[in-house]
PDB file of N, CA and C in Angstrom:
ATOM      1  N   MET A   1       0.873  -1.082   0.106  1.00  0.00           N
ATOM      2  CA  MET A   1       0.066  -0.103  -0.086  1.00  0.00           C
ATOM      3  C   MET A   1       0.612   1.054  -0.043  1.00  0.00           C
ATOM      4  N   THR A   2       0.216   1.909  -0.645  1.00  0.00           N
ATOM      5  CA  THR A   2       1.256   3.605  -0.622  1.00  0.00           C
ATOM      6  C   THR A   2       0.846   4.304   0.589  1.00  0.00           C
ATOM      7  N   THR A   3       1.515   5.350   0.794  1.00  0.00           N
ATOM      8  CA  THR A   3       1.397   6.187   1.810  1.00  0.00           C
ATOM      9  C   THR A   3       0.266   7.026   2.307  1.00  0.00           C
ATOM     10  N   PRO A   4      -0.610   7.323   1.306  1.00  0.00           N
ATOM     11  CA  PRO A   4      -1.988   8.107   1.014  1.00  0.00           C
ATOM     12  C   PRO A   4      -2.513   7.145   1.482  1.00  0.00           C
ATOM     13  N   ALA A   5      -2.379   5.827   0.856  1.00  0.00           N
ATOM     14  CA  ALA A   5      -3.439   4.757   1.596  1.00  0.00           C
ATOM     15  C   ALA A   5      -3.404   4.747   3.242  1.00  0.00           C
ATOM     16  N   TYR A   6      -2.564   4.468   3.315  1.00  0.00           N
ATOM     17  CA  TYR A   6      -2.196   4.510   4.857  1.00  0.00           C
ATOM     18  C   TYR A   6      -3.117   5.534   6.017  1.00  0.00           C
ATOM     19  N   LEU A   7      -2.845   6.408   5.192  1.00  0.00           N
ATOM     20  CA  LEU A   7      -3.033   8.028   5.790  1.00  0.00           C
ATOM     21  C   LEU A   7      -5.413   7.677   5.663  1.00  0.00           C
ATOM     22  N   ILE A   8      -5.168   7.539   4.923  1.00  0.00           N
ATOM     23  CA  ILE A   8      -6.641   7.313   4.589  1.00  0.00           C
ATOM     24  C   ILE A   8      -7.014   6.687   5.210  1.00  0.00           C
ATOM     25  N   ALA A   9      -6.876   5.407   5.590  1.00  0.00           N
ATOM     26  CA  ALA A   9      -6.729   4.550   6.474  1.00  0.00           C
ATOM     27  C   ALA A   9      -6.786   4.083   7.545  1.00  0.00           C
ATOM     28  N   ILE A  10      -5.824   5.110   8.319  1.00  0.00           N
ATOM     29  CA  ILE A  10      -6.145   5.457   9.804  1.00  0.00           C
ATOM     30  C   ILE A  10      -6.619   6.506   9.785  1.00  0.00           C
ATOM     31  N   ILE A  11      -7.102   7.664   8.684  1.00  0.00           N
ATOM     32  CA  ILE A  11      -8.417   8.647   8.894  1.00  0.00           C
ATOM     33  C   ILE A  11      -9.744   7.782   9.460  1.00  0.00           C
ATOM     34  N   LEU A  12      -9.769   7.422   8.650  1.00  0.00           N
ATOM     35  CA  LEU A  12     -11.468   6.356   8.439  1.00  0.00           C
ATOM     36  C   LEU A  12     -11.684   5.365   9.792  1.00  0.00           C
ATOM     37  N   ALA A  13     -10.500   4.699  10.565  1.00  0.00           N
ATOM     38  CA  ALA A  13     -10.927   3.980  11.651  1.00  0.00           C
ATOM     39  C   ALA A  13     -10.933   4.266  12.802  1.00  0.00           C
ATOM     40  N   THR A  14      -9.676   6.046  12.611  1.00  0.00           N
ATOM     41  CA  THR A  14     -10.099   6.872  13.910  1.00  0.00           C
ATOM     42  C   THR A  14     -11.390   7.685  13.980  1.00  0.00           C
ATOM     43  N   LEU A  15     -12.093   7.921  12.288  1.00  0.00           N
ATOM     44  CA  LEU A  15     -13.299   8.058  12.865  1.00  0.00           C
ATOM     45  C   LEU A  15     -14.391   7.266  13.000  1.00  0.00           C
ATOM     46  N   TYR A  16     -14.175   6.754  12.255  1.00  0.00           N
ATOM     47  CA  TYR A  16     -15.267   5.702  12.874  1.00  0.00           C
ATOM     48  C   TYR A  16     -15.255   5.332  14.492  1.00  0.00           C
ATOM     49  N   GLY A  17     -14.500   4.700  15.238  1.00  0.00           N
ATOM     50  CA  GLY A  17     -14.117   4.326  16.775  1.00  0.00           C
ATOM     51  C   GLY A  17     -14.327   6.256  17.199  1.00  0.00           C
ATOM     52  N   ALA A  18     -13.976   7.009  17.263  1.00  0.00           N
ATOM     53  CA  ALA A  18     -14.116   8.216  17.190  1.00  0.00           C
ATOM     54  C   ALA A  18     -16.280   8.473  17.477  1.00  0.00           C
ATOM     55  N   LEU A  19     -16.853   8.085  16.126  1.00  0.00           N
ATOM     56  CA  LEU A  19     -18.202   8.443  15.750  1.00  0.00           C
ATOM     57  C   LEU A  19     -19.150   7.230  16.982  1.00  0.00           C
ATOM     58  N   PHE A  20     -18.385   6.185  16.978  1.00  0.00           N
ATOM     59  CA  PHE A  20     -19.422   5.655  17.720  1.00  0.00           C
ATOM     60  C   PHE A  20     -19.436   5.976  19.150  1.00  0.00           C
ATOM     61  N   HIS A  21     -17.552   6.303  19.307  1.00  0.00           N
ATOM     62  CA  HIS A  21     -17.505   6.627  20.805  1.00  0.00           C
ATOM     63  C   HIS A  21     -18.869   7.853  21.048  1.00  0.00           C
ATOM     64  N   LEU A  22     -18.906   8.933  20.278  1.00  0.00           N
ATOM     65  CA  LEU A  22     -20.000  10.001  20.252  1.00  0.00           C
ATOM     66  C   LEU A  22     -21.259   9.675  20.470  1.00  0.00           C
ATOM     67  N   TYR A  23     -21.003   8.569  20.045  1.00  0.00           N
ATOM     68  CA  TYR A  23     -22.618   7.428  19.672  1.00  0.00           C
ATOM     69  C   TYR A  23     -23.246   6.528  21.151  1.00  0.00           C
ATOM     70  N   LYS A  24     -22.369   5.943  21.600  1.00  0.00           N
ATOM     71  CA  LYS A  24     -22.691   4.943  22.622  1.00  0.00           C
ATOM     72  C   LYS A  24     -22.094   5.586  24.038  1.00  0.00           C
ATOM     73  N   GLY A  25     -21.188   6.832  23.904  1.00  0.00           N
ATOM     74  CA  GLY A  25     -20.334   7.845  25.123  1.00  0.00           C
ATOM     75  C   GLY A  25     -19.666   6.851  25.685  1.00  0.00           C
ATOM     76  N   GLY A  26     -19.271   7.716  27.020  1.00  0.00           N
ATOM     77  CA  GLY A  26     -18.892   6.686  28.197  1.00  0.00           C
ATOM     78  C   GLY A  26     -17.140   7.482  28.566  1.00  0.00           C
ATOM     79  N   ASN A  27     -16.295   6.884  28.951  1.00  0.00           N
ATOM     80  CA  ASN A  27     -15.019   7.858  29.574  1.00  0.00           C
ATOM     81  C   ASN A  27     -14.183   7.261  28.831  1.00  0.00           C
ATOM     82  N   ALA A  28     -12.479   7.786  28.812  1.00  0.00           N
ATOM     83  CA  ALA A  28     -11.914   7.669  27.868  1.00  0.00           C
ATOM     84  C   ALA A  28     -11.211   6.487  28.037  1.00  0.00           C
ATOM     85  N   SER A  29     -11.275   5.886  28.760  1.00  0.00           N
ATOM     86  CA  SER A  29     -11.228   4.287  28.657  1.00  0.00           C
ATOM     87  C   SER A  29     -12.071   3.555  27.496  1.00  0.00           C
ATOM     88  N   LYS A  30     -13.212   4.028  27.312  1.00  0.00           N
ATOM     89  CA  LYS A  30     -13.963   3.531  26.107  1.00  0.00           C
ATOM     90  C   LYS A  30     -13.594   3.865  25.320  1.00  0.00           C
ATOM     91  N   MET A  31     -13.424   5.128  24.858  1.00  0.00           N
ATOM     92  CA  MET A  31     -12.984   5.837  24.171  1.00  0.00           C
ATOM     93  C   MET A  31     -12.046   5.073  23.083  1.00  0.00           C
ATOM     94  N   LEU A  32     -10.537   4.363  24.630  1.00  0.00           N
ATOM     95  CA  LEU A  32      -9.741   3.546  23.494  1.00  0.00           C
ATOM     96  C   LEU A  32      -9.651   2.586  23.559  1.00  0.00           C
ATOM     97  N   LEU A  33     -10.797   1.733  23.939  1.00  0.00           N
ATOM     98  CA  LEU A  33     -10.837   1.192  23.652  1.00  0.00           C
ATOM     99  C   LEU A  33     -11.645   0.787  22.197  1.00  0.00           C
ATOM    100  N   TYR A  34     -12.840   1.627  21.917  1.00  0.00           N
ATOM    101  CA  TYR A  34     -13.115   1.471  20.593  1.00  0.00           C
ATOM    102  C   TYR A  34     -12.109   2.628  19.471  1.00  0.00           C
ATOM    103  N   LEU A  35     -10.986   3.105  19.647  1.00  0.00           N
ATOM    104  CA  LEU A  35     -10.431   3.114  18.537  1.00  0.00           C
ATOM    105  C   LEU A  35      -8.983   2.187  18.438  1.00  0.00           C
ATOM    106  N   VAL A  36      -9.148   1.926  19.289  1.00  0.00           N
ATOM    107  CA  VAL A  36      -8.056   0.383  19.312  1.00  0.00           C
ATOM    108  C   VAL A  36      -9.227  -0.771  18.044  1.00  0.00           C
ATOM    109  N   SER A  37     -10.103  -1.052  18.937  1.00  0.00           N
ATOM    110  CA  SER A  37     -11.135  -1.883  17.985  1.00  0.00           C
ATOM    111  C   SER A  37     -11.215  -1.571  16.638  1.00  0.00           C
ATOM    112  N   SER A  38     -11.361  -0.441  16.281  1.00  0.00           N
ATOM    113  CA  SER A  38     -11.577   0.198  14.934  1.00  0.00           C
ATOM    114  C   SER A  38     -10.576   0.177  13.868  1.00  0.00           C
ATOM    115  N   TRP A  39      -9.543   0.635  14.800  1.00  0.00           N
ATOM    116  CA  TRP A  39      -8.315  -0.099  14.069  1.00  0.00           C
ATOM    117  C   TRP A  39      -7.562  -1.080  13.564  1.00  0.00           C
ATOM    118  N   MET A  40      -8.195  -1.884  14.900  1.00  0.00           N
ATOM    119  CA  MET A  40      -8.099  -3.474  14.719  1.00  0.00           C
ATOM    120  C   MET A  40      -8.720  -4.167  13.617  1.00  0.00           C
ATOM    121  N   GLY A  41     -10.057  -4.360  13.032  1.00  0.00           N
ATOM    122  CA  GLY A  41     -10.987  -3.986  12.546  1.00  0.00           C
ATOM    123  C   GLY A  41     -10.899  -3.811  11.230  1.00  0.00           C
ATOM    124  N   PHE A  42     -10.644  -2.588  11.195  1.00  0.00           N
ATOM    125  CA  PHE A  42     -10.039  -2.233   9.349  1.00  0.00           C
ATOM    126  C   PHE A  42      -9.147  -2.794   8.998  1.00  0.00           C
ATOM    127  N   ILE A  43      -8.021  -3.498  10.335  1.00  0.00           N
ATOM    128  CA  ILE A  43      -6.848  -3.509   9.386  1.00  0.00           C
ATOM    129  C   ILE A  43      -7.614  -5.438   8.864  1.00  0.00           C
ATOM    130  N   ILE A  44      -7.874  -5.633   9.813  1.00  0.00           N
ATOM    131  CA  ILE A  44      -8.613  -7.332   9.466  1.00  0.00           C
ATOM    132  C   ILE A  44      -9.554  -7.315   8.576  1.00  0.00           C
ATOM    133  N   GLY A  45     -10.475  -6.556   8.253  1.00  0.00           N
ATOM    134  CA  GLY A  45     -11.531  -6.383   6.647  1.00  0.00           C
ATOM    135  C   GLY A  45     -10.499  -6.229   5.998  1.00  0.00           C
ATOM    136  N   HIS A  46      -9.445  -5.265   5.462  1.00  0.00           N
ATOM    137  CA  HIS A  46      -9.106  -4.744   4.429  1.00  0.00           C
ATOM    138  C   HIS A  46      -8.434  -6.608   3.656  1.00  0.00           C
ATOM    139  N   ASN A  47      -7.304  -6.902   5.029  1.00  0.00           N
ATOM    140  CA  ASN A  47      -6.367  -8.064   4.972  1.00  0.00           C
ATOM    141  C   ASN A  47      -7.369  -9.312   4.535  1.00  0.00           C
ATOM    142  N   ILE A  48      -8.842  -9.451   4.876  1.00  0.00           N
ATOM    143  CA  ILE A  48      -9.866 -10.572   4.626  1.00  0.00           C
ATOM    144  C   ILE A  48     -10.401 -10.380   3.116  1.00  0.00           C
ATOM    145  N   SER A  49     -10.121  -8.953   2.922  1.00  0.00           N
ATOM    146  CA  SER A  49     -10.665  -8.521   1.349  1.00  0.00           C
ATOM    147  C   SER A  49      -9.583  -8.772  -0.079  1.00  0.00           C
ATOM    148  N   ARG A  50      -8.071  -9.209   0.736  1.00  0.00           N
ATOM    149  CA  ARG A  50      -7.607  -9.068  -0.173  1.00  0.00           C
ATOM    150  C   ARG A  50      -7.171 -10.814  -0.505  1.00  0.00           C
ATOM    151  N   VAL A  51      -7.518 -11.363   0.762  1.00  0.00           N
ATOM    152  CA  VAL A  51      -7.739 -13.052   0.820  1.00  0.00           C
ATOM    153  C   VAL A  51      -8.458 -13.742  -0.284  1.00  0.00           C
ATOM    154  N   VAL A  52      -9.744 -13.099  -0.336  1.00  0.00           N
ATOM    155  CA  VAL A  52     -10.774 -13.443  -0.815  1.00  0.00           C
ATOM    156  C   VAL A  52     -10.992 -12.929  -1.957  1.00  0.00           C
ATOM    157  N   ALA A  53     -10.338 -12.034  -2.515  1.00  0.00           N
ATOM    158  CA  ALA A  53     -10.092 -10.884  -3.498  1.00  0.00           C
ATOM    159  C   ALA A  53     -11.346 -10.182  -3.817  1.00  0.00           C
ATOM    160  N   SER A  54     -11.978  -9.835  -3.039  1.00  0.00           N
ATOM    161  CA  SER A  54     -13.291  -8.935  -2.862  1.00  0.00           C
ATOM    162  C   SER A  54     -12.951  -7.470  -2.474  1.00  0.00           C
ATOM    163  N   SER A  55     -13.888  -6.652  -3.482  1.00  0.00           N
ATOM    164  CA  SER A  55     -13.216  -4.898  -3.700  1.00  0.00           C
ATOM    165  C   SER A  55     -14.968  -4.626  -3.708  1.00  0.00           C
ATOM    166  N   ILE A  56     -15.742  -3.800  -2.280  1.00  0.00           N
ATOM    167  CA  ILE A  56     -16.608  -3.765  -1.957  1.00  0.00           C
ATOM    168  C   ILE A  56     -16.088  -2.144  -2.615  1.00  0.00           C
ATOM    169  N   TYR A  57     -15.677  -1.352  -2.256  1.00  0.00           N
ATOM    170  CA  TYR A  57     -15.449  -0.067  -2.305  1.00  0.00           C
ATOM    171  C   TYR A  57     -13.930   0.552  -2.245  1.00  0.00           C
ATOM    172  N   SER A  58     -13.053   0.761  -3.326  1.00  0.00           N
ATOM    173  CA  SER A  58     -11.602  -0.012  -3.371  1.00  0.00           C
ATOM    174  C   SER A  58     -11.125   1.744  -3.307  1.00  0.00           C
ATOM    175  N   ILE A  59     -10.376   2.673  -3.009  1.00  0.00           N
ATOM    176  CA  ILE A  59      -9.822   3.894  -2.774  1.00  0.00           C
ATOM    177  C   ILE A  59      -8.513   3.301  -3.182  1.00  0.00           C
ATOM    178  N   GLY A  60      -8.209   3.299  -4.382  1.00  0.00           N
ATOM    179  CA  GLY A  60      -6.563   2.848  -4.500  1.00  0.00           C
ATOM    180  C   GLY A  60      -6.498   2.000  -4.022  1.00  0.00           C
ATOM    181  N   PRO A  61      -5.291   0.962  -3.209  1.00  0.00           N
ATOM    182  CA  PRO A  61      -4.670  -0.377  -3.339  1.00  0.00           C
ATOM    183  C   PRO A  61      -5.826  -0.198  -1.851  1.00  0.00           C
ATOM    184  N   LEU A  62      -6.413   0.362  -1.467  1.00  0.00           N
ATOM    185  CA  LEU A  62      -7.232   0.243  -0.228  1.00  0.00           C
ATOM    186  C   LEU A  62      -8.427  -0.151  -0.053  1.00  0.00           C
ATOM    187  N   ASN A  63      -9.034  -1.389   0.578  1.00  0.00           N
ATOM    188  CA  ASN A  63     -10.336  -1.745   0.502  1.00  0.00           C
ATOM    189  C   ASN A  63     -11.009  -1.315   1.113  1.00  0.00           C
ATOM    190  N   ALA A  64     -11.606  -0.134   1.073  1.00  0.00           N
ATOM    191  CA  ALA A  64     -12.291   0.558   1.974  1.00  0.00           C
ATOM    192  C   ALA A  64     -13.855   0.395   2.155  1.00  0.00           C
ATOM    193  N   GLY A  65     -14.272  -0.553   1.026  1.00  0.00           N
ATOM    194  CA  GLY A  65     -15.666  -1.304   1.627  1.00  0.00           C
ATOM    195  C   GLY A  65     -15.490  -2.536   3.267  1.00  0.00           C
ATOM    196  N   MET A  66     -14.481  -3.431   2.515  1.00  0.00           N
ATOM    197  CA  MET A  66     -15.223  -4.133   3.178  1.00  0.00           C
ATOM    198  C   MET A  66     -14.403  -4.122   4.788  1.00  0.00           C
ATOM    199  N   ALA A  67     -12.892  -2.998   4.843  1.00  0.00           N
ATOM    200  CA  ALA A  67     -11.894  -2.261   5.960  1.00  0.00           C
ATOM    201  C   ALA A  67     -13.523  -1.808   7.028  1.00  0.00           C
ATOM    202  N   SER A  68     -14.609  -0.952   6.739  1.00  0.00           N
ATOM    203  CA  SER A  68     -15.288  -0.036   7.264  1.00  0.00           C
ATOM    204  C   SER A  68     -16.354  -1.569   7.757  1.00  0.00           C
ATOM    205  N   ILE A  69     -16.510  -2.052   7.256  1.00  0.00           N
ATOM    206  CA  ILE A  69     -17.440  -3.664   7.684  1.00  0.00           C
ATOM    207  C   ILE A  69     -17.139  -4.353   8.625  1.00  0.00           C
ATOM    208  N   GLY A  70     -15.282  -4.875   8.520  1.00  0.00           N
ATOM    209  CA  GLY A  70     -14.114  -4.794   9.680  1.00  0.00           C
ATOM    210  C   GLY A  70     -14.399  -4.438  11.037  1.00  0.00           C
ATOM    211  N   SER A  71     -14.621  -2.884  11.105  1.00  0.00           N
ATOM    212  CA  SER A  71     -13.985  -1.951  11.215  1.00  0.00           C
ATOM    213  C   SER A  71     -15.570  -2.146  12.702  1.00  0.00           C
ATOM    214  N   GLY A  72     -16.409  -1.684  11.410  1.00  0.00           N
ATOM    215  CA  GLY A  72     -18.182  -2.084  12.641  1.00  0.00           C
ATOM    216  C   GLY A  72     -18.243  -3.058  13.063  1.00  0.00           C
ATOM    217  N   LEU A  73     -17.491  -4.179  12.625  1.00  0.00           N
ATOM    218  CA  LEU A  73     -18.222  -5.248  13.500  1.00  0.00           C
ATOM    219  C   LEU A  73     -17.167  -5.599  14.686  1.00  0.00           C
ATOM    220  N   ALA A  74     -16.039  -5.048  14.662  1.00  0.00           N
ATOM    221  CA  ALA A  74     -14.673  -4.952  15.765  1.00  0.00           C
ATOM    222  C   ALA A  74     -15.857  -4.563  16.643  1.00  0.00           C
ATOM    223  N   LEU A  75     -15.577  -2.896  16.510  1.00  0.00           N
ATOM    224  CA  LEU A  75     -16.923  -1.558  17.447  1.00  0.00           C
ATOM    225  C   LEU A  75     -18.211  -2.602  18.026  1.00  0.00           C
ATOM    226  N   VAL A  76     -18.778  -3.189  17.153  1.00  0.00           N
ATOM    227  CA  VAL A  76     -19.987  -3.795  17.870  1.00  0.00           C
ATOM    228  C   VAL A  76     -19.771  -5.189  19.212  1.00  0.00           C
ATOM    229  N   LEU A  77     -18.526  -6.043  18.413  1.00  0.00           N
ATOM    230  CA  LEU A  77     -17.969  -7.081  19.461  1.00  0.00           C
ATOM    231  C   LEU A  77     -17.658  -6.148  20.288  1.00  0.00           C
ATOM    232  N   ALA A  78     -16.472  -5.359  20.765  1.00  0.00           N
ATOM    233  CA  ALA A  78     -15.772  -4.946  22.008  1.00  0.00           C
ATOM    234  C   ALA A  78     -16.474  -4.120  22.718  1.00  0.00           C
ATOM    235  N   HIS A  79     -18.402  -3.044  22.066  1.00  0.00           N
ATOM    236  CA  HIS A  79     -18.658  -2.762  22.853  1.00  0.00           C
ATOM    237  C   HIS A  79     -19.951  -4.080  23.504  1.00  0.00           C
ATOM    238  N   TRP A  80     -20.202  -4.793  23.073  1.00  0.00           N
ATOM    239  CA  TRP A  80     -20.397  -5.601  23.284  1.00  0.00           C
ATOM    240  C   TRP A  80     -19.760  -6.762  24.579  1.00  0.00           C
ATOM    241  N   LEU A  81     -18.843  -6.777  24.664  1.00  0.00           N
ATOM    242  CA  LEU A  81     -17.765  -7.449  25.368  1.00  0.00           C
ATOM    243  C   LEU A  81     -17.645  -6.051  26.468  1.00  0.00           C
ATOM    244  N   SER A  82     -17.413  -5.514  26.749  1.00  0.00           N
ATOM    245  CA  SER A  82     -17.233  -4.550  27.690  1.00  0.00           C
ATOM    246  C   SER A  82     -18.456  -4.278  27.710  1.00  0.00           C
ATOM    247  N   LYS A  83     -19.524  -4.223  27.700  1.00  0.00           N
ATOM    248  CA  LYS A  83     -20.945  -4.494  28.342  1.00  0.00           C
ATOM    249  C   LYS A  83     -21.091  -5.986  28.928  1.00  0.00           C
ATOM    250  N   ARG A  84     -20.919  -6.777  28.750  1.00  0.00           N
ATOM    251  CA  ARG A  84     -20.753  -8.609  29.519  1.00  0.00           C
ATOM    252  C   ARG A  84     -20.022  -7.957  30.471  1.00  0.00           C
ATOM    253  N   ASN A  85     -18.337  -7.124  30.800  1.00  0.00           N
ATOM    254  CA  ASN A  85     -18.055  -7.520  32.133  1.00  0.00           C
ATOM    255  C   ASN A  85     -18.339  -6.786  33.193  1.00  0.00           C
ATOM    256  N   LEU A  86     -18.908  -5.824  32.344  1.00  0.00           N
ATOM    257  CA  LEU A  86     -18.999  -4.642  33.926  1.00  0.00           C
ATOM    258  C   LEU A  86     -20.336  -5.504  34.635  1.00  0.00           C
ATOM    259  N   GLU A  87     -21.208  -6.377  33.883  1.00  0.00           N
ATOM    260  CA  GLU A  87     -22.966  -6.115  33.985  1.00  0.00           C
ATOM    261  C   GLU A  87     -22.155  -7.754  35.424  1.00  0.00           C
ATOM    262  N   ASP A  88     -21.014  -8.501  35.069  1.00  0.00           N
ATOM    263  CA  ASP A  88     -20.226  -9.681  35.522  1.00  0.00           C
ATOM    264  C   ASP A  88     -20.057  -9.060  36.998  1.00  0.00           C
TER     265      ASP A  88
END
């Protein structure tokens, strides 16, 4: 991937994590959790799209569609797991 593609990926993943935190609320540790899970999900989604040779919405070498889906799934999973730990 090129440097601009990395920059777009970082911006998109950070934006998804920050917007999810804005939507769900929480403290600084929740925001850090959402940012890290968004970054990881974005990377995993992009790599899965490369493995299965699928491209929903490409921005140059970045498969932004599948990466966004991966980020969204990771955010939902992180929120669900953090809620489960607080209830126990």
